[in-house]
Amino acid sequence: QVQLVESGGGSVQAGGSLRLSCAASGFTSRYYLMAWFRQAPGKEREGVAGIRRGSTVYADSAKGRFTISQDNAKNTLYLQMNSLKPEDTAMYYCAVSYRALPEKYSFPPGDFGAWGQGTQVTVSS
Protein backbone atom coordinates (compact mmCIF):
# COMPACT_ATOMS: atom_id res chain seq x y z
CA GLN A 1 0.00 0.00 0.00
CA VAL A 2 1.49 3.32 -1.10
CA GLN A 3 1.70 5.84 1.71
CA LEU A 4 3.23 9.32 1.83
CA VAL A 5 3.59 11.20 5.11
CA GLU A 6 4.78 14.81 5.14
CA SER A 7 6.31 16.63 8.08
CA GLY A 8 8.44 19.67 8.82
CA GLY A 9 5.99 22.49 8.20
CA GLY A 10 5.62 25.39 10.59
CA SER A 11 5.54 29.14 11.00
CA VAL A 12 8.55 31.27 10.12
CA GLN A 13 9.28 34.88 9.37
CA ALA A 14 10.07 36.08 5.88
CA GLY A 15 13.65 35.25 4.96
CA GLY A 16 13.66 32.13 7.10
CA SER A 17 14.08 28.50 6.13
CA LEU A 18 12.24 25.21 6.56
CA ARG A 19 12.94 21.66 5.48
CA LEU A 20 9.97 19.50 4.60
CA SER A 21 10.16 15.72 4.65
CA CYS A 22 8.01 13.10 2.96
CA ALA A 23 8.39 9.53 4.18
CA ALA A 24 7.35 7.04 1.52
CA SER A 25 6.28 3.44 2.12
CA GLY A 26 4.85 0.66 0.01
CA PHE A 27 7.16 1.43 -2.92
CA THR A 28 10.74 2.46 -3.68
CA SER A 29 10.57 6.18 -4.30
CA ARG A 30 13.86 6.56 -6.15
CA TYR A 31 12.40 4.72 -9.18
CA TYR A 32 9.49 7.14 -9.58
CA LEU A 33 8.79 10.80 -10.18
CA MET A 34 8.39 12.42 -6.78
CA ALA A 35 7.18 15.98 -6.46
CA TRP A 36 6.20 18.69 -4.04
CA PHE A 37 3.02 20.67 -4.59
CA ARG A 38 1.43 23.47 -2.62
CA GLN A 39 -2.03 24.90 -2.32
CA ALA A 40 -2.92 28.22 -0.76
CA PRO A 41 -6.50 29.02 0.31
CA GLY A 42 -8.63 29.89 -2.69
CA LYS A 43 -5.92 28.92 -5.17
CA GLU A 44 -5.27 25.89 -7.34
CA ARG A 45 -2.73 23.28 -6.36
CA GLU A 46 0.59 24.04 -8.04
CA GLY A 47 3.74 22.04 -8.52
CA VAL A 48 6.87 23.33 -6.83
CA ALA A 49 9.62 20.82 -7.61
CA GLY A 50 10.08 17.30 -8.93
CA ILE A 51 12.81 14.68 -8.90
CA ARG A 52 13.30 11.38 -10.69
CA ARG A 53 16.49 9.31 -10.71
CA GLY A 54 18.52 12.36 -9.68
CA SER A 55 17.11 14.75 -12.28
CA THR A 56 15.26 17.75 -10.89
CA VAL A 57 12.80 20.33 -12.20
CA TYR A 58 11.60 23.44 -10.40
CA ALA A 59 8.72 25.82 -10.86
CA ASP A 60 9.85 29.38 -11.52
CA SER A 61 8.63 30.39 -8.05
CA ALA A 62 11.03 27.89 -6.46
CA LYS A 63 14.16 28.32 -8.55
CA GLY A 64 17.14 29.55 -6.57
CA ARG A 65 15.36 29.23 -3.22
CA PHE A 66 14.09 25.64 -2.92
CA THR A 67 16.02 22.39 -3.28
CA ILE A 68 14.40 18.98 -3.73
CA SER A 69 16.35 15.89 -2.74
CA GLN A 70 15.99 12.26 -1.74
CA ASP A 71 17.55 9.96 0.82
CA ASN A 72 17.25 6.60 -0.89
CA ALA A 73 18.27 4.67 2.22
CA LYS A 74 15.40 6.25 4.15
CA ASN A 75 12.98 6.28 1.18
CA THR A 76 12.35 9.92 2.04
CA LEU A 77 11.86 13.01 -0.06
CA TYR A 78 12.90 16.46 1.12
CA LEU A 79 12.26 20.07 0.20
CA GLN A 80 14.72 22.59 1.59
CA MET A 81 13.12 26.03 1.44
CA ASN A 82 15.25 29.13 1.94
CA SER A 83 14.53 32.84 1.69
CA LEU A 84 10.87 32.17 2.38
CA LYS A 85 8.30 34.79 1.40
CA PRO A 86 4.75 35.38 2.65
CA GLU A 87 3.49 34.19 -0.74
CA ASP A 88 5.01 30.77 0.01
CA THR A 89 2.33 30.29 2.66
CA ALA A 90 0.36 27.17 1.72
CA MET A 91 -0.31 23.54 2.50
CA TYR A 92 2.53 21.52 1.01
CA TYR A 93 1.99 18.02 -0.36
CA CYS A 94 4.25 15.35 -1.75
CA ALA A 95 3.06 13.10 -4.55
CA VAL A 96 4.26 10.23 -6.73
CA SER A 97 3.85 9.53 -10.43
CA TYR A 98 4.84 6.75 -12.83
CA ARG A 99 5.64 9.19 -15.62
CA ALA A 100 9.04 10.43 -16.79
CA LEU A 101 10.29 13.89 -15.84
CA PRO A 102 10.95 16.15 -18.84
CA GLU A 103 13.28 19.15 -18.65
CA LYS A 104 10.30 21.48 -18.81
CA TYR A 105 7.40 20.24 -16.76
CA SER A 106 4.22 21.97 -15.70
CA PHE A 107 3.35 19.50 -12.91
CA PRO A 108 -0.25 18.69 -13.83
CA PRO A 109 -1.80 17.22 -10.66
CA GLY A 110 -3.57 14.59 -12.75
CA ASP A 111 -0.20 12.94 -13.47
CA PHE A 112 0.12 11.95 -9.81
CA GLY A 113 -1.64 8.95 -8.38
CA ALA A 114 -0.88 9.16 -4.67
CA TRP A 115 -0.65 12.10 -2.29
CA GLY A 116 0.26 12.75 1.30
CA GLN A 117 -1.99 14.53 3.77
CA GLY A 118 0.02 17.77 3.63
CA THR A 119 2.00 19.94 6.01
CA GLN A 120 1.24 23.61 6.59
CA VAL A 121 3.82 26.31 5.94
CA THR A 122 3.08 29.83 7.13
CA VAL A 123 5.45 32.72 6.40
CA SER A 124 4.84 36.03 8.14
CA SER A 125 6.14 39.38 6.97
C-alpha atoms as a PDB file:
ATOM      1  CA  GLN A   1       0.000   0.000   0.000  1.00  0.00           C
ATOM      2  CA  VAL A   2       1.486   3.321  -1.104  1.00  0.00           C
ATOM      3  CA  GLN A   3       1.697   5.840   1.706  1.00  0.00           C
ATOM      4  CA  LEU A   4       3.231   9.316   1.833  1.00  0.00           C
ATOM      5  CA  VAL A   5       3.592  11.204   5.108  1.00  0.00           C
ATOM      6  CA  GLU A   6       4.778  14.808   5.137  1.00  0.00           C
ATOM      7  CA  SER A   7       6.311  16.634   8.075  1.00  0.00           C
ATOM      8  CA  GLY A   8       8.437  19.674   8.822  1.00  0.00           C
ATOM      9  CA  GLY A   9       5.990  22.485   8.204  1.00  0.00           C
ATOM     10  CA  GLY A  10       5.624  25.390  10.593  1.00  0.00           C
ATOM     11  CA  SER A  11       5.543  29.139  11.002  1.00  0.00           C
ATOM     12  CA  VAL A  12       8.554  31.271  10.120  1.00  0.00           C
ATOM     13  CA  GLN A  13       9.282  34.883   9.369  1.00  0.00           C
ATOM     14  CA  ALA A  14      10.069  36.084   5.878  1.00  0.00           C
ATOM     15  CA  GLY A  15      13.649  35.254   4.956  1.00  0.00           C
ATOM     16  CA  GLY A  16      13.658  32.133   7.100  1.00  0.00           C
ATOM     17  CA  SER A  17      14.083  28.499   6.133  1.00  0.00           C
ATOM     18  CA  LEU A  18      12.245  25.213   6.565  1.00  0.00           C
ATOM     19  CA  ARG A  19      12.944  21.660   5.476  1.00  0.00           C
ATOM     20  CA  LEU A  20       9.974  19.498   4.602  1.00  0.00           C
ATOM     21  CA  SER A  21      10.163  15.717   4.655  1.00  0.00           C
ATOM     22  CA  CYS A  22       8.007  13.099   2.965  1.00  0.00           C
ATOM     23  CA  ALA A  23       8.392   9.531   4.183  1.00  0.00           C
ATOM     24  CA  ALA A  24       7.354   7.039   1.520  1.00  0.00           C
ATOM     25  CA  SER A  25       6.283   3.444   2.124  1.00  0.00           C
ATOM     26  CA  GLY A  26       4.854   0.664   0.007  1.00  0.00           C
ATOM     27  CA  PHE A  27       7.159   1.430  -2.923  1.00  0.00           C
ATOM     28  CA  THR A  28      10.743   2.459  -3.677  1.00  0.00           C
ATOM     29  CA  SER A  29      10.568   6.177  -4.302  1.00  0.00           C
ATOM     30  CA  ARG A  30      13.858   6.563  -6.148  1.00  0.00           C
ATOM     31  CA  TYR A  31      12.401   4.721  -9.181  1.00  0.00           C
ATOM     32  CA  TYR A  32       9.488   7.142  -9.583  1.00  0.00           C
ATOM     33  CA  LEU A  33       8.790  10.796 -10.184  1.00  0.00           C
ATOM     34  CA  MET A  34       8.389  12.423  -6.782  1.00  0.00           C
ATOM     35  CA  ALA A  35       7.175  15.984  -6.461  1.00  0.00           C
ATOM     36  CA  TRP A  36       6.202  18.686  -4.039  1.00  0.00           C
ATOM     37  CA  PHE A  37       3.017  20.666  -4.586  1.00  0.00           C
ATOM     38  CA  ARG A  38       1.434  23.469  -2.622  1.00  0.00           C
ATOM     39  CA  GLN A  39      -2.028  24.899  -2.318  1.00  0.00           C
ATOM     40  CA  ALA A  40      -2.924  28.221  -0.761  1.00  0.00           C
ATOM     41  CA  PRO A  41      -6.504  29.018   0.312  1.00  0.00           C
ATOM     42  CA  GLY A  42      -8.629  29.888  -2.690  1.00  0.00           C
ATOM     43  CA  LYS A  43      -5.919  28.918  -5.175  1.00  0.00           C
ATOM     44  CA  GLU A  44      -5.266  25.892  -7.342  1.00  0.00           C
ATOM     45  CA  ARG A  45      -2.729  23.279  -6.361  1.00  0.00           C
ATOM     46  CA  GLU A  46       0.592  24.043  -8.041  1.00  0.00           C
ATOM     47  CA  GLY A  47       3.741  22.035  -8.523  1.00  0.00           C
ATOM     48  CA  VAL A  48       6.868  23.332  -6.829  1.00  0.00           C
ATOM     49  CA  ALA A  49       9.620  20.820  -7.606  1.00  0.00           C
ATOM     50  CA  GLY A  50      10.077  17.303  -8.927  1.00  0.00           C
ATOM     51  CA  ILE A  51      12.809  14.677  -8.899  1.00  0.00           C
ATOM     52  CA  ARG A  52      13.303  11.381 -10.694  1.00  0.00           C
ATOM     53  CA  ARG A  53      16.488   9.314 -10.709  1.00  0.00           C
ATOM     54  CA  GLY A  54      18.523  12.355  -9.676  1.00  0.00           C
ATOM     55  CA  SER A  55      17.107  14.751 -12.277  1.00  0.00           C
ATOM     56  CA  THR A  56      15.255  17.752 -10.887  1.00  0.00           C
ATOM     57  CA  VAL A  57      12.801  20.328 -12.204  1.00  0.00           C
ATOM     58  CA  TYR A  58      11.601  23.437 -10.397  1.00  0.00           C
ATOM     59  CA  ALA A  59       8.724  25.817 -10.858  1.00  0.00           C
ATOM     60  CA  ASP A  60       9.848  29.381 -11.519  1.00  0.00           C
ATOM     61  CA  SER A  61       8.629  30.387  -8.055  1.00  0.00           C
ATOM     62  CA  ALA A  62      11.031  27.893  -6.463  1.00  0.00           C
ATOM     63  CA  LYS A  63      14.160  28.322  -8.554  1.00  0.00           C
ATOM     64  CA  GLY A  64      17.143  29.551  -6.569  1.00  0.00           C
ATOM     65  CA  ARG A  65      15.358  29.228  -3.220  1.00  0.00           C
ATOM     66  CA  PHE A  66      14.094  25.643  -2.917  1.00  0.00           C
ATOM     67  CA  THR A  67      16.018  22.386  -3.281  1.00  0.00           C
ATOM     68  CA  ILE A  68      14.396  18.976  -3.729  1.00  0.00           C
ATOM     69  CA  SER A  69      16.355  15.892  -2.740  1.00  0.00           C
ATOM     70  CA  GLN A  70      15.985  12.258  -1.739  1.00  0.00           C
ATOM     71  CA  ASP A  71      17.548   9.959   0.819  1.00  0.00           C
ATOM     72  CA  ASN A  72      17.247   6.599  -0.887  1.00  0.00           C
ATOM     73  CA  ALA A  73      18.272   4.674   2.218  1.00  0.00           C
ATOM     74  CA  LYS A  74      15.400   6.253   4.145  1.00  0.00           C
ATOM     75  CA  ASN A  75      12.984   6.278   1.183  1.00  0.00           C
ATOM     76  CA  THR A  76      12.350   9.919   2.044  1.00  0.00           C
ATOM     77  CA  LEU A  77      11.860  13.012  -0.065  1.00  0.00           C
ATOM     78  CA  TYR A  78      12.898  16.460   1.123  1.00  0.00           C
ATOM     79  CA  LEU A  79      12.258  20.068   0.205  1.00  0.00           C
ATOM     80  CA  GLN A  80      14.719  22.593   1.589  1.00  0.00           C
ATOM     81  CA  MET A  81      13.120  26.031   1.437  1.00  0.00           C
ATOM     82  CA  ASN A  82      15.253  29.125   1.942  1.00  0.00           C
ATOM     83  CA  SER A  83      14.526  32.844   1.694  1.00  0.00           C
ATOM     84  CA  LEU A  84      10.870  32.170   2.376  1.00  0.00           C
ATOM     85  CA  LYS A  85       8.302  34.789   1.400  1.00  0.00           C
ATOM     86  CA  PRO A  86       4.752  35.375   2.652  1.00  0.00           C
ATOM     87  CA  GLU A  87       3.494  34.188  -0.737  1.00  0.00           C
ATOM     88  CA  ASP A  88       5.014  30.771   0.011  1.00  0.00           C
ATOM     89  CA  THR A  89       2.328  30.290   2.663  1.00  0.00           C
ATOM     90  CA  ALA A  90       0.364  27.167   1.720  1.00  0.00           C
ATOM     91  CA  MET A  91      -0.305  23.538   2.502  1.00  0.00           C
ATOM     92  CA  TYR A  92       2.533  21.523   1.006  1.00  0.00           C
ATOM     93  CA  TYR A  93       1.989  18.018  -0.357  1.00  0.00           C
ATOM     94  CA  CYS A  94       4.246  15.347  -1.749  1.00  0.00           C
ATOM     95  CA  ALA A  95       3.060  13.100  -4.552  1.00  0.00           C
ATOM     96  CA  VAL A  96       4.260  10.229  -6.728  1.00  0.00           C
ATOM     97  CA  SER A  97       3.849   9.529 -10.434  1.00  0.00           C
ATOM     98  CA  TYR A  98       4.838   6.746 -12.834  1.00  0.00           C
ATOM     99  CA  ARG A  99       5.642   9.186 -15.624  1.00  0.00           C
ATOM    100  CA  ALA A 100       9.045  10.428 -16.794  1.00  0.00           C
ATOM    101  CA  LEU A 101      10.295  13.889 -15.842  1.00  0.00           C
ATOM    102  CA  PRO A 102      10.951  16.145 -18.842  1.00  0.00           C
ATOM    103  CA  GLU A 103      13.276  19.153 -18.650  1.00  0.00           C
ATOM    104  CA  LYS A 104      10.301  21.481 -18.811  1.00  0.00           C
ATOM    105  CA  TYR A 105       7.398  20.238 -16.760  1.00  0.00           C
ATOM    106  CA  SER A 106       4.224  21.969 -15.701  1.00  0.00           C
ATOM    107  CA  PHE A 107       3.349  19.495 -12.908  1.00  0.00           C
ATOM    108  CA  PRO A 108      -0.247  18.690 -13.827  1.00  0.00           C
ATOM    109  CA  PRO A 109      -1.800  17.221 -10.661  1.00  0.00           C
ATOM    110  CA  GLY A 110      -3.572  14.588 -12.750  1.00  0.00           C
ATOM    111  CA  ASP A 111      -0.200  12.942 -13.471  1.00  0.00           C
ATOM    112  CA  PHE A 112       0.125  11.955  -9.809  1.00  0.00           C
ATOM    113  CA  GLY A 113      -1.639   8.946  -8.375  1.00  0.00           C
ATOM    114  CA  ALA A 114      -0.876   9.164  -4.672  1.00  0.00           C
ATOM    115  CA  TRP A 115      -0.647  12.095  -2.287  1.00  0.00           C
ATOM    116  CA  GLY A 116       0.264  12.748   1.302  1.00  0.00           C
ATOM    117  CA  GLN A 117      -1.986  14.535   3.771  1.00  0.00           C
ATOM    118  CA  GLY A 118       0.019  17.772   3.625  1.00  0.00           C
ATOM    119  CA  THR A 119       2.005  19.938   6.009  1.00  0.00           C
ATOM    120  CA  GLN A 120       1.235  23.613   6.593  1.00  0.00           C
ATOM    121  CA  VAL A 121       3.819  26.307   5.938  1.00  0.00           C
ATOM    122  CA  THR A 122       3.081  29.832   7.133  1.00  0.00           C
ATOM    123  CA  VAL A 123       5.445  32.716   6.398  1.00  0.00           C
ATOM    124  CA  SER A 124       4.843  36.029   8.143  1.00  0.00           C
ATOM    125  CA  SER A 125       6.137  39.378   6.967  1.00  0.00           C
END
